[in-house]
Amino acid sequence: MIHLAPVTLEGHGVRLEPLTLAHAEALGVAVADGQLWERWYTAVPTRDTAAKYVEDALAGQAEGHMQPWAVRELSTGAIIGSTRYHDIDAAIDRVEIGYTWYAASWHRTHANTACKLLLLGHAFDTLGCAVVGFRTDNFNFTSQKAIAALGAKLDGVIRHHKARRDGTVRDSVMFSILAAEWRDVRRHLELRLTSRLKT
């Protein structure tokens, strides 16, 4: 059975810092880069709701089903986004990675690949997870493409699954990576990261 506790993860030009209320102001600045909240199918905060977003994440951590981080890009020292483990099921050695967003200026850079390498490595190599899942809105085609590009396999679609911020209900597209697949996924992500850091 996996046991989670707040931990700092660092490498590949980023540091994942256990989320605290001290990060709220910087997250508000990051989310304003691109006004990410305007994408109706995402669950990102607005600049004004960043503190509440952190509070909700920390409540999920206290309840045992979330482990949230702030993402710091090391060359600039800036907080550029957030990510977390969620829907943690310790009894079956499963976590999901999600609630991931980055300031728009960091899209299509090394940041997401670097974070996923750290999160997947911690999940499989340290925690001993049997599977890591991902889910996204059925209309978030960019996210679906990005998850598939990691090497995750499509599990299926759960219809009428979760409420969106605007009160509509989404279908959730589900993906996963099994522990037996991690070695090849890791090699793929390391090569991908090397390529991104060269550009």
N, C-alpha and C. Protein backbone atom coordinates (compact mmCIF):
# COMPACT_ATOMS: atom_id res chain seq x y z
N MET A 1 0.84 -1.19 0.00
CA MET A 1 0.00 0.00 0.00
C MET A 1 0.88 1.24 0.00
N ILE A 2 0.61 2.18 -0.92
CA ILE A 2 1.42 3.38 -1.01
C ILE A 2 1.13 4.33 0.17
N HIS A 3 2.15 5.09 0.54
CA HIS A 3 2.02 6.08 1.61
C HIS A 3 2.54 7.41 1.08
N LEU A 4 1.67 8.41 1.03
CA LEU A 4 2.05 9.70 0.50
C LEU A 4 2.29 10.71 1.60
N ALA A 5 3.24 11.60 1.36
CA ALA A 5 3.52 12.72 2.26
C ALA A 5 4.08 13.84 1.39
N PRO A 6 3.91 15.09 1.80
CA PRO A 6 4.47 16.20 1.01
C PRO A 6 5.96 16.03 0.78
N VAL A 7 6.37 16.23 -0.46
CA VAL A 7 7.77 16.04 -0.83
C VAL A 7 8.10 17.00 -1.97
N THR A 8 9.33 17.53 -1.94
CA THR A 8 9.80 18.37 -3.04
C THR A 8 10.45 17.47 -4.09
N LEU A 9 10.09 17.69 -5.35
CA LEU A 9 10.65 16.94 -6.47
C LEU A 9 11.35 17.93 -7.39
N GLU A 10 12.60 17.66 -7.74
CA GLU A 10 13.36 18.61 -8.54
C GLU A 10 14.17 17.90 -9.60
N GLY A 11 14.22 18.48 -10.79
CA GLY A 11 15.03 17.96 -11.88
C GLY A 11 14.57 18.52 -13.20
N HIS A 12 15.45 18.44 -14.20
CA HIS A 12 15.09 18.81 -15.57
C HIS A 12 14.63 20.26 -15.66
N GLY A 13 15.16 21.12 -14.80
CA GLY A 13 14.86 22.53 -14.88
C GLY A 13 13.63 23.00 -14.14
N VAL A 14 12.99 22.11 -13.39
CA VAL A 14 11.81 22.52 -12.62
C VAL A 14 11.90 21.97 -11.20
N ARG A 15 11.17 22.61 -10.31
CA ARG A 15 11.02 22.09 -8.96
C ARG A 15 9.54 22.08 -8.59
N LEU A 16 9.06 20.94 -8.13
CA LEU A 16 7.70 20.81 -7.65
C LEU A 16 7.74 20.97 -6.13
N GLU A 17 7.15 22.06 -5.66
CA GLU A 17 7.16 22.40 -4.24
C GLU A 17 5.80 22.08 -3.64
N PRO A 18 5.75 21.40 -2.49
CA PRO A 18 4.46 21.15 -1.86
C PRO A 18 3.67 22.45 -1.74
N LEU A 19 2.45 22.43 -2.22
CA LEU A 19 1.64 23.64 -2.31
C LEU A 19 1.29 24.18 -0.92
N THR A 20 1.44 25.49 -0.76
CA THR A 20 1.03 26.17 0.47
C THR A 20 0.34 27.47 0.09
N LEU A 21 -0.30 28.08 1.06
CA LEU A 21 -0.95 29.37 0.81
C LEU A 21 0.05 30.45 0.41
N ALA A 22 1.30 30.27 0.76
CA ALA A 22 2.33 31.23 0.35
C ALA A 22 2.51 31.27 -1.16
N HIS A 23 2.05 30.24 -1.88
CA HIS A 23 2.16 30.21 -3.34
C HIS A 23 0.99 30.93 -4.03
N ALA A 24 -0.04 31.29 -3.30
CA ALA A 24 -1.28 31.75 -3.93
C ALA A 24 -1.06 32.98 -4.80
N GLU A 25 -0.34 33.96 -4.31
CA GLU A 25 -0.15 35.19 -5.08
C GLU A 25 0.59 34.91 -6.39
N ALA A 26 1.65 34.10 -6.32
CA ALA A 26 2.41 33.78 -7.53
C ALA A 26 1.58 32.95 -8.50
N LEU A 27 0.73 32.08 -8.00
CA LEU A 27 -0.15 31.32 -8.88
C LEU A 27 -1.15 32.25 -9.57
N GLY A 28 -1.62 33.27 -8.85
CA GLY A 28 -2.50 34.25 -9.46
C GLY A 28 -1.84 34.97 -10.62
N VAL A 29 -0.57 35.28 -10.47
CA VAL A 29 0.19 35.92 -11.55
C VAL A 29 0.33 34.95 -12.73
N ALA A 30 0.66 33.70 -12.42
CA ALA A 30 0.88 32.71 -13.48
C ALA A 30 -0.39 32.45 -14.29
N VAL A 31 -1.52 32.33 -13.60
CA VAL A 31 -2.76 32.00 -14.31
C VAL A 31 -3.24 33.18 -15.15
N ALA A 32 -2.82 34.41 -14.79
CA ALA A 32 -3.19 35.58 -15.59
C ALA A 32 -2.42 35.63 -16.91
N ASP A 33 -1.32 34.89 -17.00
CA ASP A 33 -0.54 34.80 -18.24
C ASP A 33 -1.31 33.90 -19.21
N GLY A 34 -2.13 34.53 -20.04
CA GLY A 34 -2.96 33.78 -20.97
C GLY A 34 -4.41 33.71 -20.55
N GLN A 35 -4.74 34.28 -19.37
CA GLN A 35 -6.11 34.26 -18.86
C GLN A 35 -6.72 32.85 -19.02
N LEU A 36 -6.05 31.90 -18.38
CA LEU A 36 -6.37 30.49 -18.59
C LEU A 36 -7.79 30.14 -18.18
N TRP A 37 -8.38 30.88 -17.27
CA TRP A 37 -9.73 30.59 -16.79
C TRP A 37 -10.78 30.77 -17.88
N GLU A 38 -10.44 31.43 -18.98
CA GLU A 38 -11.40 31.64 -20.06
C GLU A 38 -11.69 30.35 -20.83
N ARG A 39 -10.87 29.35 -20.63
CA ARG A 39 -11.11 28.06 -21.28
C ARG A 39 -12.14 27.30 -20.44
N TRP A 40 -13.37 27.31 -20.89
CA TRP A 40 -14.51 26.86 -20.09
C TRP A 40 -14.44 25.40 -19.68
N TYR A 41 -13.66 24.60 -20.38
CA TYR A 41 -13.58 23.17 -20.09
C TYR A 41 -12.46 22.83 -19.11
N THR A 42 -11.78 23.85 -18.55
CA THR A 42 -10.71 23.58 -17.60
C THR A 42 -11.14 23.95 -16.19
N ALA A 43 -10.35 23.51 -15.21
CA ALA A 43 -10.65 23.77 -13.80
C ALA A 43 -9.56 24.60 -13.16
N VAL A 44 -9.08 25.62 -13.88
CA VAL A 44 -8.04 26.50 -13.34
C VAL A 44 -8.70 27.65 -12.58
N PRO A 45 -7.98 28.26 -11.64
CA PRO A 45 -8.55 29.40 -10.92
C PRO A 45 -8.46 30.67 -11.75
N THR A 46 -9.12 31.71 -11.31
CA THR A 46 -8.86 33.05 -11.80
C THR A 46 -7.80 33.67 -10.90
N ARG A 47 -7.33 34.84 -11.27
CA ARG A 47 -6.35 35.50 -10.42
C ARG A 47 -6.94 35.76 -9.03
N ASP A 48 -8.23 36.10 -8.99
CA ASP A 48 -8.88 36.45 -7.73
C ASP A 48 -9.22 35.23 -6.87
N THR A 49 -9.27 34.05 -7.48
CA THR A 49 -9.66 32.85 -6.72
C THR A 49 -8.49 31.92 -6.46
N ALA A 50 -7.27 32.38 -6.70
CA ALA A 50 -6.09 31.52 -6.52
C ALA A 50 -5.96 31.04 -5.08
N ALA A 51 -6.23 31.91 -4.11
CA ALA A 51 -6.10 31.50 -2.71
C ALA A 51 -7.12 30.42 -2.37
N LYS A 52 -8.35 30.57 -2.85
CA LYS A 52 -9.39 29.54 -2.62
C LYS A 52 -9.00 28.23 -3.30
N TYR A 53 -8.41 28.33 -4.47
CA TYR A 53 -7.93 27.15 -5.20
C TYR A 53 -6.91 26.39 -4.35
N VAL A 54 -5.97 27.12 -3.75
CA VAL A 54 -4.97 26.49 -2.89
C VAL A 54 -5.63 25.88 -1.66
N GLU A 55 -6.54 26.62 -1.04
CA GLU A 55 -7.24 26.11 0.15
C GLU A 55 -7.97 24.81 -0.16
N ASP A 56 -8.64 24.74 -1.29
CA ASP A 56 -9.36 23.52 -1.68
C ASP A 56 -8.39 22.36 -1.90
N ALA A 57 -7.25 22.65 -2.53
CA ALA A 57 -6.25 21.60 -2.74
C ALA A 57 -5.71 21.08 -1.42
N LEU A 58 -5.46 21.98 -0.49
CA LEU A 58 -4.93 21.57 0.81
C LEU A 58 -5.98 20.81 1.62
N ALA A 59 -7.26 21.15 1.42
CA ALA A 59 -8.32 20.37 2.07
C ALA A 59 -8.33 18.95 1.52
N GLY A 60 -8.15 18.80 0.22
CA GLY A 60 -8.07 17.46 -0.37
C GLY A 60 -6.87 16.69 0.13
N GLN A 61 -5.77 17.40 0.36
CA GLN A 61 -4.59 16.74 0.93
C GLN A 61 -4.87 16.26 2.35
N ALA A 62 -5.52 17.10 3.14
CA ALA A 62 -5.84 16.72 4.53
C ALA A 62 -6.78 15.53 4.58
N GLU A 63 -7.65 15.42 3.58
CA GLU A 63 -8.59 14.29 3.51
C GLU A 63 -7.95 13.03 2.93
N GLY A 64 -6.74 13.15 2.40
CA GLY A 64 -6.00 11.98 1.95
C GLY A 64 -6.18 11.59 0.50
N HIS A 65 -6.86 12.43 -0.29
CA HIS A 65 -7.08 12.03 -1.69
C HIS A 65 -6.38 12.95 -2.69
N MET A 66 -5.57 13.90 -2.21
CA MET A 66 -4.81 14.77 -3.10
C MET A 66 -3.42 15.02 -2.54
N GLN A 67 -2.48 15.29 -3.45
CA GLN A 67 -1.13 15.73 -3.09
C GLN A 67 -0.75 16.82 -4.09
N PRO A 68 -0.90 18.11 -3.72
CA PRO A 68 -0.69 19.20 -4.69
C PRO A 68 0.70 19.83 -4.62
N TRP A 69 1.13 20.37 -5.76
CA TRP A 69 2.40 21.07 -5.88
C TRP A 69 2.24 22.38 -6.63
N ALA A 70 3.10 23.32 -6.33
CA ALA A 70 3.35 24.47 -7.19
C ALA A 70 4.57 24.14 -8.05
N VAL A 71 4.55 24.61 -9.30
CA VAL A 71 5.65 24.33 -10.22
C VAL A 71 6.53 25.57 -10.35
N ARG A 72 7.81 25.43 -10.00
CA ARG A 72 8.77 26.53 -10.14
C ARG A 72 9.74 26.20 -11.26
N GLU A 73 9.90 27.13 -12.20
CA GLU A 73 10.87 26.96 -13.27
C GLU A 73 12.19 27.54 -12.79
N LEU A 74 13.24 26.73 -12.81
CA LEU A 74 14.46 27.08 -12.09
C LEU A 74 15.32 28.14 -12.77
N SER A 75 15.27 28.24 -14.10
CA SER A 75 16.12 29.25 -14.75
C SER A 75 15.64 30.66 -14.46
N THR A 76 14.36 30.83 -14.20
CA THR A 76 13.79 32.15 -13.89
C THR A 76 13.44 32.29 -12.42
N GLY A 77 13.25 31.18 -11.73
CA GLY A 77 12.80 31.21 -10.34
C GLY A 77 11.31 31.46 -10.19
N ALA A 78 10.58 31.53 -11.30
CA ALA A 78 9.17 31.89 -11.26
C ALA A 78 8.28 30.67 -11.02
N ILE A 79 7.20 30.88 -10.28
CA ILE A 79 6.12 29.90 -10.20
C ILE A 79 5.34 29.98 -11.49
N ILE A 80 5.24 28.87 -12.21
CA ILE A 80 4.63 28.90 -13.53
C ILE A 80 3.34 28.08 -13.63
N GLY A 81 2.96 27.41 -12.55
CA GLY A 81 1.73 26.63 -12.61
C GLY A 81 1.59 25.72 -11.41
N SER A 82 0.73 24.73 -11.57
CA SER A 82 0.43 23.81 -10.48
C SER A 82 0.05 22.45 -11.05
N THR A 83 0.22 21.43 -10.22
CA THR A 83 -0.16 20.08 -10.60
C THR A 83 -0.40 19.29 -9.32
N ARG A 84 -0.97 18.12 -9.43
CA ARG A 84 -1.18 17.31 -8.22
C ARG A 84 -1.47 15.85 -8.55
N TYR A 85 -1.23 14.99 -7.56
CA TYR A 85 -1.85 13.67 -7.54
C TYR A 85 -3.27 13.87 -6.99
N HIS A 86 -4.21 13.13 -7.53
CA HIS A 86 -5.58 13.21 -7.02
C HIS A 86 -6.25 11.85 -7.18
N ASP A 87 -7.44 11.74 -6.62
CA ASP A 87 -8.15 10.46 -6.61
C ASP A 87 -7.21 9.34 -6.19
N ILE A 88 -6.48 9.61 -5.13
CA ILE A 88 -5.50 8.64 -4.61
C ILE A 88 -6.25 7.47 -3.99
N ASP A 89 -5.90 6.26 -4.41
CA ASP A 89 -6.46 5.05 -3.82
C ASP A 89 -5.30 4.20 -3.34
N ALA A 90 -4.88 4.47 -2.10
CA ALA A 90 -3.68 3.83 -1.56
C ALA A 90 -3.82 2.31 -1.47
N ALA A 91 -5.04 1.84 -1.26
CA ALA A 91 -5.25 0.40 -1.08
C ALA A 91 -4.93 -0.40 -2.33
N ILE A 92 -5.05 0.23 -3.50
CA ILE A 92 -4.74 -0.49 -4.74
C ILE A 92 -3.55 0.14 -5.47
N ASP A 93 -2.77 0.97 -4.75
CA ASP A 93 -1.54 1.56 -5.29
C ASP A 93 -1.80 2.34 -6.58
N ARG A 94 -2.80 3.23 -6.52
CA ARG A 94 -3.17 4.03 -7.69
C ARG A 94 -3.23 5.51 -7.32
N VAL A 95 -2.65 6.34 -8.19
CA VAL A 95 -2.85 7.77 -8.14
C VAL A 95 -3.20 8.24 -9.54
N GLU A 96 -3.81 9.40 -9.62
CA GLU A 96 -3.98 10.08 -10.90
C GLU A 96 -3.21 11.38 -10.87
N ILE A 97 -2.72 11.80 -12.02
CA ILE A 97 -2.06 13.09 -12.16
C ILE A 97 -3.02 14.02 -12.90
N GLY A 98 -3.23 15.20 -12.32
CA GLY A 98 -4.14 16.13 -12.96
C GLY A 98 -4.13 17.48 -12.28
N TYR A 99 -5.18 18.26 -12.55
CA TYR A 99 -5.24 19.65 -12.08
C TYR A 99 -3.97 20.38 -12.52
N THR A 100 -3.48 20.03 -13.70
CA THR A 100 -2.22 20.56 -14.19
C THR A 100 -2.47 21.74 -15.10
N TRP A 101 -1.81 22.84 -14.83
CA TRP A 101 -1.87 23.99 -15.73
C TRP A 101 -0.58 24.78 -15.59
N TYR A 102 -0.24 25.48 -16.66
CA TYR A 102 0.96 26.31 -16.71
C TYR A 102 0.62 27.66 -17.33
N ALA A 103 1.33 28.69 -16.92
CA ALA A 103 1.22 29.99 -17.57
C ALA A 103 1.40 29.81 -19.07
N ALA A 104 0.64 30.57 -19.86
CA ALA A 104 0.61 30.35 -21.30
C ALA A 104 1.99 30.45 -21.95
N SER A 105 2.85 31.30 -21.41
CA SER A 105 4.19 31.46 -22.00
C SER A 105 5.06 30.23 -21.81
N TRP A 106 4.61 29.28 -20.96
CA TRP A 106 5.37 28.05 -20.75
C TRP A 106 4.74 26.85 -21.45
N HIS A 107 3.70 27.08 -22.23
CA HIS A 107 3.14 25.99 -23.04
C HIS A 107 4.13 25.64 -24.15
N ARG A 108 4.16 24.36 -24.50
CA ARG A 108 5.02 23.85 -25.57
C ARG A 108 6.51 24.10 -25.28
N THR A 109 6.85 24.04 -23.99
CA THR A 109 8.25 24.10 -23.57
C THR A 109 8.58 22.79 -22.86
N HIS A 110 9.73 22.77 -22.20
CA HIS A 110 10.16 21.58 -21.46
C HIS A 110 9.33 21.34 -20.20
N ALA A 111 8.55 22.34 -19.77
CA ALA A 111 7.98 22.30 -18.42
C ALA A 111 7.09 21.08 -18.19
N ASN A 112 6.15 20.81 -19.07
CA ASN A 112 5.21 19.71 -18.81
C ASN A 112 5.92 18.36 -18.84
N THR A 113 6.78 18.15 -19.81
CA THR A 113 7.51 16.87 -19.87
C THR A 113 8.36 16.68 -18.62
N ALA A 114 9.03 17.75 -18.18
CA ALA A 114 9.86 17.67 -16.98
C ALA A 114 9.02 17.31 -15.76
N CYS A 115 7.87 17.97 -15.61
CA CYS A 115 7.01 17.69 -14.46
C CYS A 115 6.49 16.26 -14.49
N LYS A 116 6.10 15.80 -15.67
CA LYS A 116 5.56 14.44 -15.76
C LYS A 116 6.63 13.41 -15.45
N LEU A 117 7.87 13.65 -15.88
CA LEU A 117 8.96 12.73 -15.52
C LEU A 117 9.13 12.65 -14.01
N LEU A 118 9.10 13.79 -13.34
CA LEU A 118 9.24 13.80 -11.89
C LEU A 118 8.07 13.09 -11.20
N LEU A 119 6.86 13.41 -11.63
CA LEU A 119 5.67 12.84 -10.99
C LEU A 119 5.55 11.34 -11.24
N LEU A 120 5.80 10.92 -12.47
CA LEU A 120 5.71 9.50 -12.78
C LEU A 120 6.84 8.73 -12.09
N GLY A 121 8.04 9.30 -12.09
CA GLY A 121 9.15 8.64 -11.42
C GLY A 121 8.89 8.46 -9.94
N HIS A 122 8.36 9.50 -9.30
CA HIS A 122 8.05 9.40 -7.87
C HIS A 122 6.96 8.36 -7.63
N ALA A 123 5.94 8.37 -8.50
CA ALA A 123 4.82 7.44 -8.32
C ALA A 123 5.28 5.99 -8.46
N PHE A 124 6.02 5.70 -9.51
CA PHE A 124 6.39 4.31 -9.78
C PHE A 124 7.64 3.87 -9.00
N ASP A 125 8.67 4.70 -8.97
CA ASP A 125 9.96 4.27 -8.42
C ASP A 125 10.05 4.43 -6.91
N THR A 126 9.36 5.43 -6.36
CA THR A 126 9.42 5.68 -4.92
C THR A 126 8.20 5.13 -4.18
N LEU A 127 7.03 5.48 -4.68
CA LEU A 127 5.80 5.06 -4.00
C LEU A 127 5.41 3.62 -4.31
N GLY A 128 5.84 3.11 -5.46
CA GLY A 128 5.49 1.75 -5.84
C GLY A 128 4.09 1.62 -6.40
N CYS A 129 3.64 2.64 -7.11
CA CYS A 129 2.30 2.58 -7.71
C CYS A 129 2.21 1.46 -8.75
N ALA A 130 1.05 0.87 -8.83
CA ALA A 130 0.77 -0.13 -9.86
C ALA A 130 0.29 0.52 -11.15
N VAL A 131 -0.33 1.69 -11.02
CA VAL A 131 -0.89 2.38 -12.18
C VAL A 131 -0.99 3.87 -11.85
N VAL A 132 -0.78 4.69 -12.84
CA VAL A 132 -1.00 6.13 -12.73
C VAL A 132 -2.03 6.51 -13.80
N GLY A 133 -3.08 7.16 -13.37
CA GLY A 133 -4.15 7.54 -14.29
C GLY A 133 -4.13 9.02 -14.63
N PHE A 134 -4.83 9.35 -15.70
CA PHE A 134 -5.04 10.73 -16.14
C PHE A 134 -6.48 10.83 -16.62
N ARG A 135 -7.09 12.00 -16.44
CA ARG A 135 -8.42 12.22 -16.99
C ARG A 135 -8.53 13.65 -17.47
N THR A 136 -9.39 13.86 -18.44
CA THR A 136 -9.56 15.21 -18.95
C THR A 136 -10.95 15.36 -19.55
N ASP A 137 -11.36 16.59 -19.71
CA ASP A 137 -12.66 16.91 -20.30
C ASP A 137 -12.73 16.43 -21.75
N ASN A 138 -13.89 15.96 -22.16
CA ASN A 138 -14.02 15.47 -23.53
C ASN A 138 -13.81 16.57 -24.57
N PHE A 139 -13.95 17.84 -24.18
CA PHE A 139 -13.69 18.93 -25.12
C PHE A 139 -12.29 19.52 -25.00
N ASN A 140 -11.50 19.02 -24.09
CA ASN A 140 -10.13 19.50 -23.94
C ASN A 140 -9.22 18.66 -24.84
N PHE A 141 -9.30 18.94 -26.12
CA PHE A 141 -8.57 18.13 -27.10
C PHE A 141 -7.06 18.31 -26.96
N THR A 142 -6.63 19.50 -26.56
CA THR A 142 -5.20 19.74 -26.36
C THR A 142 -4.66 18.84 -25.25
N SER A 143 -5.41 18.74 -24.16
CA SER A 143 -4.99 17.90 -23.04
C SER A 143 -4.99 16.42 -23.44
N GLN A 144 -6.01 15.99 -24.16
CA GLN A 144 -6.06 14.59 -24.60
C GLN A 144 -4.84 14.25 -25.45
N LYS A 145 -4.49 15.15 -26.36
CA LYS A 145 -3.32 14.92 -27.22
C LYS A 145 -2.03 14.88 -26.40
N ALA A 146 -1.93 15.78 -25.42
CA ALA A 146 -0.72 15.84 -24.59
C ALA A 146 -0.57 14.58 -23.73
N ILE A 147 -1.68 14.09 -23.19
CA ILE A 147 -1.62 12.87 -22.36
C ILE A 147 -1.22 11.67 -23.20
N ALA A 148 -1.82 11.56 -24.38
CA ALA A 148 -1.46 10.45 -25.27
C ALA A 148 0.01 10.53 -25.67
N ALA A 149 0.52 11.75 -25.87
CA ALA A 149 1.92 11.93 -26.27
C ALA A 149 2.90 11.52 -25.18
N LEU A 150 2.44 11.47 -23.93
CA LEU A 150 3.30 10.99 -22.86
C LEU A 150 3.57 9.49 -22.99
N GLY A 151 2.66 8.79 -23.64
CA GLY A 151 2.74 7.34 -23.73
C GLY A 151 1.64 6.65 -22.95
N ALA A 152 0.70 7.44 -22.40
CA ALA A 152 -0.44 6.85 -21.68
C ALA A 152 -1.40 6.20 -22.67
N LYS A 153 -2.07 5.16 -22.21
CA LYS A 153 -3.04 4.44 -23.04
C LYS A 153 -4.47 4.91 -22.70
N LEU A 154 -5.28 5.00 -23.73
CA LEU A 154 -6.68 5.38 -23.55
C LEU A 154 -7.45 4.23 -22.92
N ASP A 155 -8.07 4.49 -21.77
CA ASP A 155 -8.89 3.48 -21.11
C ASP A 155 -10.34 3.53 -21.58
N GLY A 156 -10.84 4.74 -21.84
CA GLY A 156 -12.23 4.88 -22.27
C GLY A 156 -12.78 6.22 -21.84
N VAL A 157 -14.09 6.35 -21.98
CA VAL A 157 -14.78 7.60 -21.64
C VAL A 157 -15.88 7.30 -20.63
N ILE A 158 -15.88 8.06 -19.53
CA ILE A 158 -16.98 7.97 -18.56
C ILE A 158 -17.97 9.08 -18.90
N ARG A 159 -19.17 8.70 -19.28
CA ARG A 159 -20.16 9.67 -19.72
C ARG A 159 -20.81 10.36 -18.53
N HIS A 160 -21.13 11.64 -18.70
CA HIS A 160 -21.84 12.44 -17.70
C HIS A 160 -21.19 12.25 -16.33
N HIS A 161 -19.92 12.65 -16.25
CA HIS A 161 -19.08 12.23 -15.12
C HIS A 161 -18.85 13.31 -14.07
N LYS A 162 -18.56 14.56 -14.49
CA LYS A 162 -18.16 15.60 -13.54
C LYS A 162 -18.79 16.93 -13.93
N ALA A 163 -19.14 17.72 -12.91
CA ALA A 163 -19.64 19.06 -13.17
C ALA A 163 -18.48 20.00 -13.53
N ARG A 164 -18.71 20.84 -14.53
CA ARG A 164 -17.77 21.91 -14.85
C ARG A 164 -18.07 23.13 -13.99
N ARG A 165 -17.17 24.12 -14.08
CA ARG A 165 -17.36 25.36 -13.31
C ARG A 165 -18.66 26.07 -13.69
N ASP A 166 -19.07 25.95 -14.95
CA ASP A 166 -20.26 26.68 -15.40
C ASP A 166 -21.56 25.91 -15.16
N GLY A 167 -21.47 24.76 -14.49
CA GLY A 167 -22.66 23.99 -14.16
C GLY A 167 -23.02 22.92 -15.16
N THR A 168 -22.40 22.94 -16.35
CA THR A 168 -22.64 21.86 -17.30
C THR A 168 -21.88 20.62 -16.83
N VAL A 169 -22.18 19.49 -17.44
CA VAL A 169 -21.58 18.22 -17.03
C VAL A 169 -20.73 17.67 -18.17
N ARG A 170 -19.53 17.30 -17.84
CA ARG A 170 -18.61 16.80 -18.85
C ARG A 170 -18.60 15.29 -18.89
N ASP A 171 -18.16 14.74 -20.02
CA ASP A 171 -17.67 13.38 -20.10
C ASP A 171 -16.18 13.43 -19.76
N SER A 172 -15.65 12.41 -19.11
CA SER A 172 -14.22 12.35 -18.78
C SER A 172 -13.53 11.30 -19.62
N VAL A 173 -12.47 11.71 -20.31
CA VAL A 173 -11.65 10.80 -21.11
C VAL A 173 -10.54 10.29 -20.21
N MET A 174 -10.46 8.98 -20.04
CA MET A 174 -9.56 8.36 -19.06
C MET A 174 -8.37 7.68 -19.76
N PHE A 175 -7.19 7.91 -19.20
CA PHE A 175 -5.95 7.30 -19.68
C PHE A 175 -5.22 6.68 -18.50
N SER A 176 -4.24 5.81 -18.77
CA SER A 176 -3.40 5.29 -17.69
C SER A 176 -2.07 4.78 -18.22
N ILE A 177 -1.13 4.68 -17.30
CA ILE A 177 0.17 4.04 -17.52
C ILE A 177 0.34 3.00 -16.44
N LEU A 178 0.63 1.76 -16.81
CA LEU A 178 0.87 0.69 -15.85
C LEU A 178 2.34 0.65 -15.46
N ALA A 179 2.63 0.10 -14.30
CA ALA A 179 4.01 0.00 -13.83
C ALA A 179 4.89 -0.73 -14.84
N ALA A 180 4.35 -1.75 -15.48
CA ALA A 180 5.12 -2.52 -16.46
C ALA A 180 5.48 -1.69 -17.70
N GLU A 181 4.76 -0.60 -17.93
CA GLU A 181 5.01 0.26 -19.09
C GLU A 181 5.95 1.42 -18.78
N TRP A 182 6.24 1.63 -17.50
CA TRP A 182 6.96 2.81 -17.09
C TRP A 182 8.36 2.90 -17.68
N ARG A 183 9.08 1.80 -17.78
CA ARG A 183 10.45 1.87 -18.31
C ARG A 183 10.47 2.48 -19.70
N ASP A 184 9.58 2.01 -20.58
CA ASP A 184 9.56 2.53 -21.95
C ASP A 184 9.04 3.96 -21.99
N VAL A 185 8.04 4.26 -21.16
CA VAL A 185 7.53 5.62 -21.11
C VAL A 185 8.62 6.58 -20.64
N ARG A 186 9.38 6.17 -19.63
CA ARG A 186 10.46 7.01 -19.13
C ARG A 186 11.49 7.28 -20.21
N ARG A 187 11.89 6.27 -20.96
CA ARG A 187 12.86 6.47 -22.03
C ARG A 187 12.33 7.45 -23.07
N HIS A 188 11.06 7.28 -23.41
CA HIS A 188 10.42 8.17 -24.38
C HIS A 188 10.42 9.61 -23.88
N LEU A 189 10.06 9.82 -22.62
CA LEU A 189 10.00 11.18 -22.07
C LEU A 189 11.38 11.80 -21.93
N GLU A 190 12.38 11.01 -21.58
CA GLU A 190 13.74 11.53 -21.47
C GLU A 190 14.25 12.01 -22.84
N LEU A 191 13.98 11.23 -23.88
CA LEU A 191 14.37 11.65 -25.23
C LEU A 191 13.62 12.90 -25.66
N ARG A 192 12.35 12.94 -25.34
CA ARG A 192 11.53 14.10 -25.68
C ARG A 192 12.03 15.34 -24.95
N LEU A 193 12.37 15.19 -23.70
CA LEU A 193 12.86 16.32 -22.92
C LEU A 193 14.19 16.82 -23.47
N THR A 194 15.09 15.90 -23.80
CA THR A 194 16.37 16.29 -24.39
C THR A 194 16.17 17.12 -25.65
N SER A 195 15.23 16.69 -26.48
CA SER A 195 14.92 17.42 -27.70
C SER A 195 14.37 18.81 -27.42
N ARG A 196 13.49 18.92 -26.43
CA ARG A 196 12.89 20.23 -26.11
C ARG A 196 13.93 21.18 -25.52
N LEU A 197 14.83 20.66 -24.71
CA LEU A 197 15.83 21.53 -24.08
C LEU A 197 16.85 22.02 -25.09
N LYS A 198 16.98 21.35 -26.22
CA LYS A 198 17.92 21.78 -27.25
C LYS A 198 17.36 22.92 -28.12
N THR A 199 16.00 23.04 -28.11
CA THR A 199 15.36 24.04 -28.98
C THR A 199 15.19 25.37 -28.27
